[in-house]
């Protein structure tokens, strides 16, 4: 199990000006999975549910700050 978590973390991690590894994420996520997350807007949180394709598309976008 730790190996899968490590692989997911490596696929998501990227330096400034890069996006996540979309191909690697696609290989790790089941096509029917749902990814749950939180968004904070105006001091309130709400749950966001994405399909693997929605999640991968968003994570593969270039992030000027990076993510580790």
N, C-alpha and C. Protein backbone atom coordinates (compact mmCIF):
# COMPACT_ATOMS: atom_id res chain seq x y z
N UNK A 1 0.82 -1.19 0.00
CA UNK A 1 0.00 0.00 0.00
C UNK A 1 0.87 1.26 0.00
N UNK A 2 1.94 1.25 0.75
CA UNK A 2 2.80 2.43 0.81
C UNK A 2 3.39 2.74 -0.56
N UNK A 3 3.67 1.71 -1.34
CA UNK A 3 4.22 1.93 -2.68
C UNK A 3 3.25 2.68 -3.59
N UNK A 4 1.96 2.37 -3.47
CA UNK A 4 0.95 3.05 -4.28
C UNK A 4 0.84 4.51 -3.86
N UNK A 5 0.85 4.76 -2.56
CA UNK A 5 0.79 6.14 -2.06
C UNK A 5 2.02 6.91 -2.51
N UNK A 6 3.19 6.30 -2.43
CA UNK A 6 4.42 6.94 -2.90
C UNK A 6 4.34 7.27 -4.38
N UNK A 7 3.81 6.34 -5.18
CA UNK A 7 3.68 6.57 -6.62
C UNK A 7 2.72 7.71 -6.92
N UNK A 8 1.61 7.76 -6.19
CA UNK A 8 0.65 8.85 -6.37
C UNK A 8 1.28 10.18 -6.02
N UNK A 9 1.99 10.24 -4.90
CA UNK A 9 2.65 11.47 -4.47
C UNK A 9 3.70 11.92 -5.50
N UNK A 10 4.46 11.00 -6.04
CA UNK A 10 5.46 11.34 -7.06
C UNK A 10 4.80 11.87 -8.32
N UNK A 11 3.67 11.30 -8.70
CA UNK A 11 2.97 11.76 -9.90
C UNK A 11 2.39 13.16 -9.71
N UNK A 12 1.98 13.49 -8.50
CA UNK A 12 1.40 14.81 -8.22
C UNK A 12 2.45 15.89 -8.00
N UNK A 13 3.62 15.51 -7.51
CA UNK A 13 4.67 16.48 -7.20
C UNK A 13 5.27 17.07 -8.46
N UNK A 14 5.50 18.38 -8.42
CA UNK A 14 6.13 19.05 -9.57
C UNK A 14 6.72 20.37 -9.12
N UNK A 15 7.73 20.80 -9.86
CA UNK A 15 8.37 22.07 -9.58
C UNK A 15 7.57 23.22 -10.17
N UNK A 16 7.97 24.44 -9.85
CA UNK A 16 7.30 25.62 -10.40
C UNK A 16 7.29 25.59 -11.93
N UNK A 17 6.16 25.96 -12.51
CA UNK A 17 6.05 26.01 -13.97
C UNK A 17 5.78 24.67 -14.63
N UNK A 18 5.39 23.66 -13.85
CA UNK A 18 5.13 22.33 -14.40
C UNK A 18 3.76 21.84 -13.93
N UNK A 19 3.30 20.78 -14.56
CA UNK A 19 2.06 20.12 -14.16
C UNK A 19 2.37 18.72 -13.68
N UNK A 20 1.39 18.08 -13.09
CA UNK A 20 1.55 16.71 -12.62
C UNK A 20 1.73 15.76 -13.81
N UNK A 21 2.21 14.57 -13.52
CA UNK A 21 2.44 13.54 -14.54
C UNK A 21 1.11 12.86 -14.87
N UNK A 22 0.43 13.35 -15.90
CA UNK A 22 -0.91 12.87 -16.27
C UNK A 22 -0.90 11.38 -16.62
N UNK A 23 0.08 10.92 -17.35
CA UNK A 23 0.13 9.50 -17.74
C UNK A 23 0.26 8.61 -16.51
N UNK A 24 1.11 9.02 -15.59
CA UNK A 24 1.31 8.23 -14.37
C UNK A 24 0.04 8.21 -13.52
N UNK A 25 -0.62 9.37 -13.40
CA UNK A 25 -1.87 9.43 -12.65
C UNK A 25 -2.92 8.51 -13.28
N UNK A 26 -3.00 8.55 -14.59
CA UNK A 26 -3.98 7.72 -15.30
C UNK A 26 -3.74 6.23 -15.02
N UNK A 27 -2.47 5.85 -14.89
CA UNK A 27 -2.16 4.44 -14.64
C UNK A 27 -2.47 4.03 -13.19
N UNK A 28 -2.58 5.00 -12.30
CA UNK A 28 -2.81 4.71 -10.88
C UNK A 28 -4.28 4.76 -10.47
N UNK A 29 -5.11 5.47 -11.24
CA UNK A 29 -6.50 5.67 -10.85
C UNK A 29 -7.44 4.77 -11.66
N UNK A 30 -8.35 4.14 -10.99
CA UNK A 30 -9.38 3.34 -11.66
C UNK A 30 -10.29 4.28 -12.42
N UNK A 31 -10.69 3.94 -13.64
CA UNK A 31 -11.53 4.83 -14.46
C UNK A 31 -12.86 5.22 -13.79
N UNK A 32 -13.36 4.39 -12.89
CA UNK A 32 -14.63 4.69 -12.23
C UNK A 32 -14.45 5.28 -10.83
N UNK A 33 -13.21 5.60 -10.47
CA UNK A 33 -12.95 6.18 -9.16
C UNK A 33 -13.57 7.58 -9.06
N UNK A 34 -13.71 8.05 -7.85
CA UNK A 34 -14.12 9.42 -7.58
C UNK A 34 -13.13 10.00 -6.59
N UNK A 35 -12.66 11.21 -6.87
CA UNK A 35 -11.68 11.87 -6.02
C UNK A 35 -12.38 12.99 -5.28
N UNK A 36 -12.31 12.94 -3.96
CA UNK A 36 -12.97 13.93 -3.12
C UNK A 36 -11.94 14.92 -2.61
N UNK A 37 -12.31 16.18 -2.62
CA UNK A 37 -11.44 17.22 -2.10
C UNK A 37 -12.27 18.34 -1.50
N UNK A 38 -11.58 19.32 -0.95
CA UNK A 38 -12.24 20.49 -0.37
C UNK A 38 -11.80 21.75 -1.10
N UNK A 39 -12.71 22.68 -1.25
CA UNK A 39 -12.41 24.02 -1.77
C UNK A 39 -12.79 25.01 -0.68
N UNK A 40 -11.95 26.00 -0.50
CA UNK A 40 -12.23 27.06 0.46
C UNK A 40 -12.53 28.33 -0.31
N UNK A 41 -13.70 28.87 -0.10
CA UNK A 41 -14.11 30.10 -0.76
C UNK A 41 -14.84 30.97 0.24
N UNK A 42 -14.38 32.20 0.37
CA UNK A 42 -15.06 33.16 1.24
C UNK A 42 -15.22 32.63 2.66
N UNK A 43 -14.18 31.98 3.17
CA UNK A 43 -14.19 31.50 4.54
C UNK A 43 -14.99 30.24 4.79
N UNK A 44 -15.52 29.64 3.76
CA UNK A 44 -16.31 28.41 3.92
C UNK A 44 -15.72 27.31 3.05
N UNK A 45 -15.87 26.07 3.49
CA UNK A 45 -15.39 24.95 2.70
C UNK A 45 -16.57 24.22 2.07
N UNK A 46 -16.30 23.60 0.93
CA UNK A 46 -17.30 22.75 0.28
C UNK A 46 -16.59 21.56 -0.33
N UNK A 47 -17.28 20.45 -0.39
CA UNK A 47 -16.73 19.23 -0.95
C UNK A 47 -16.82 19.28 -2.47
N UNK A 48 -15.74 18.87 -3.12
CA UNK A 48 -15.68 18.78 -4.58
C UNK A 48 -15.43 17.31 -4.93
N UNK A 49 -16.21 16.78 -5.86
CA UNK A 49 -16.04 15.40 -6.30
C UNK A 49 -15.70 15.43 -7.79
N UNK A 50 -14.60 14.75 -8.15
CA UNK A 50 -14.16 14.74 -9.55
C UNK A 50 -13.97 13.31 -10.03
N UNK A 51 -14.15 13.13 -11.33
CA UNK A 51 -13.81 11.88 -11.98
C UNK A 51 -12.29 11.86 -12.15
N UNK A 52 -11.70 10.70 -12.45
CA UNK A 52 -10.26 10.68 -12.70
C UNK A 52 -9.84 11.65 -13.82
N UNK A 53 -10.61 11.70 -14.92
CA UNK A 53 -10.25 12.61 -16.01
C UNK A 53 -10.29 14.07 -15.57
N UNK A 54 -11.31 14.46 -14.81
CA UNK A 54 -11.40 15.83 -14.31
C UNK A 54 -10.23 16.15 -13.39
N UNK A 55 -9.92 15.21 -12.49
CA UNK A 55 -8.82 15.39 -11.55
C UNK A 55 -7.49 15.51 -12.28
N UNK A 56 -7.25 14.61 -13.23
CA UNK A 56 -5.98 14.60 -13.97
C UNK A 56 -5.83 15.88 -14.79
N UNK A 57 -6.89 16.30 -15.46
CA UNK A 57 -6.83 17.53 -16.25
C UNK A 57 -6.44 18.71 -15.37
N UNK A 58 -7.05 18.81 -14.22
CA UNK A 58 -6.75 19.92 -13.31
C UNK A 58 -5.32 19.84 -12.77
N UNK A 59 -4.89 18.66 -12.40
CA UNK A 59 -3.54 18.50 -11.84
C UNK A 59 -2.45 18.68 -12.89
N UNK A 60 -2.75 18.39 -14.14
CA UNK A 60 -1.75 18.51 -15.21
C UNK A 60 -1.54 19.97 -15.66
N UNK A 61 -2.40 20.87 -15.20
CA UNK A 61 -2.22 22.28 -15.53
C UNK A 61 -0.91 22.79 -14.93
N UNK A 62 -0.30 23.72 -15.62
CA UNK A 62 0.95 24.31 -15.13
C UNK A 62 0.66 25.08 -13.85
N UNK A 63 1.48 24.85 -12.85
CA UNK A 63 1.35 25.51 -11.56
C UNK A 63 2.61 26.34 -11.33
N UNK A 64 2.47 27.62 -11.26
CA UNK A 64 3.63 28.50 -11.11
C UNK A 64 4.32 28.34 -9.75
N UNK A 65 3.60 27.83 -8.76
CA UNK A 65 4.19 27.65 -7.42
C UNK A 65 4.82 26.28 -7.23
N UNK A 66 4.38 25.31 -8.02
CA UNK A 66 4.83 23.93 -7.83
C UNK A 66 4.03 23.27 -6.73
N UNK A 67 4.27 22.00 -6.52
CA UNK A 67 3.57 21.25 -5.47
C UNK A 67 4.44 20.08 -5.07
N UNK A 68 4.74 19.99 -3.78
CA UNK A 68 5.54 18.88 -3.23
C UNK A 68 4.91 18.36 -1.98
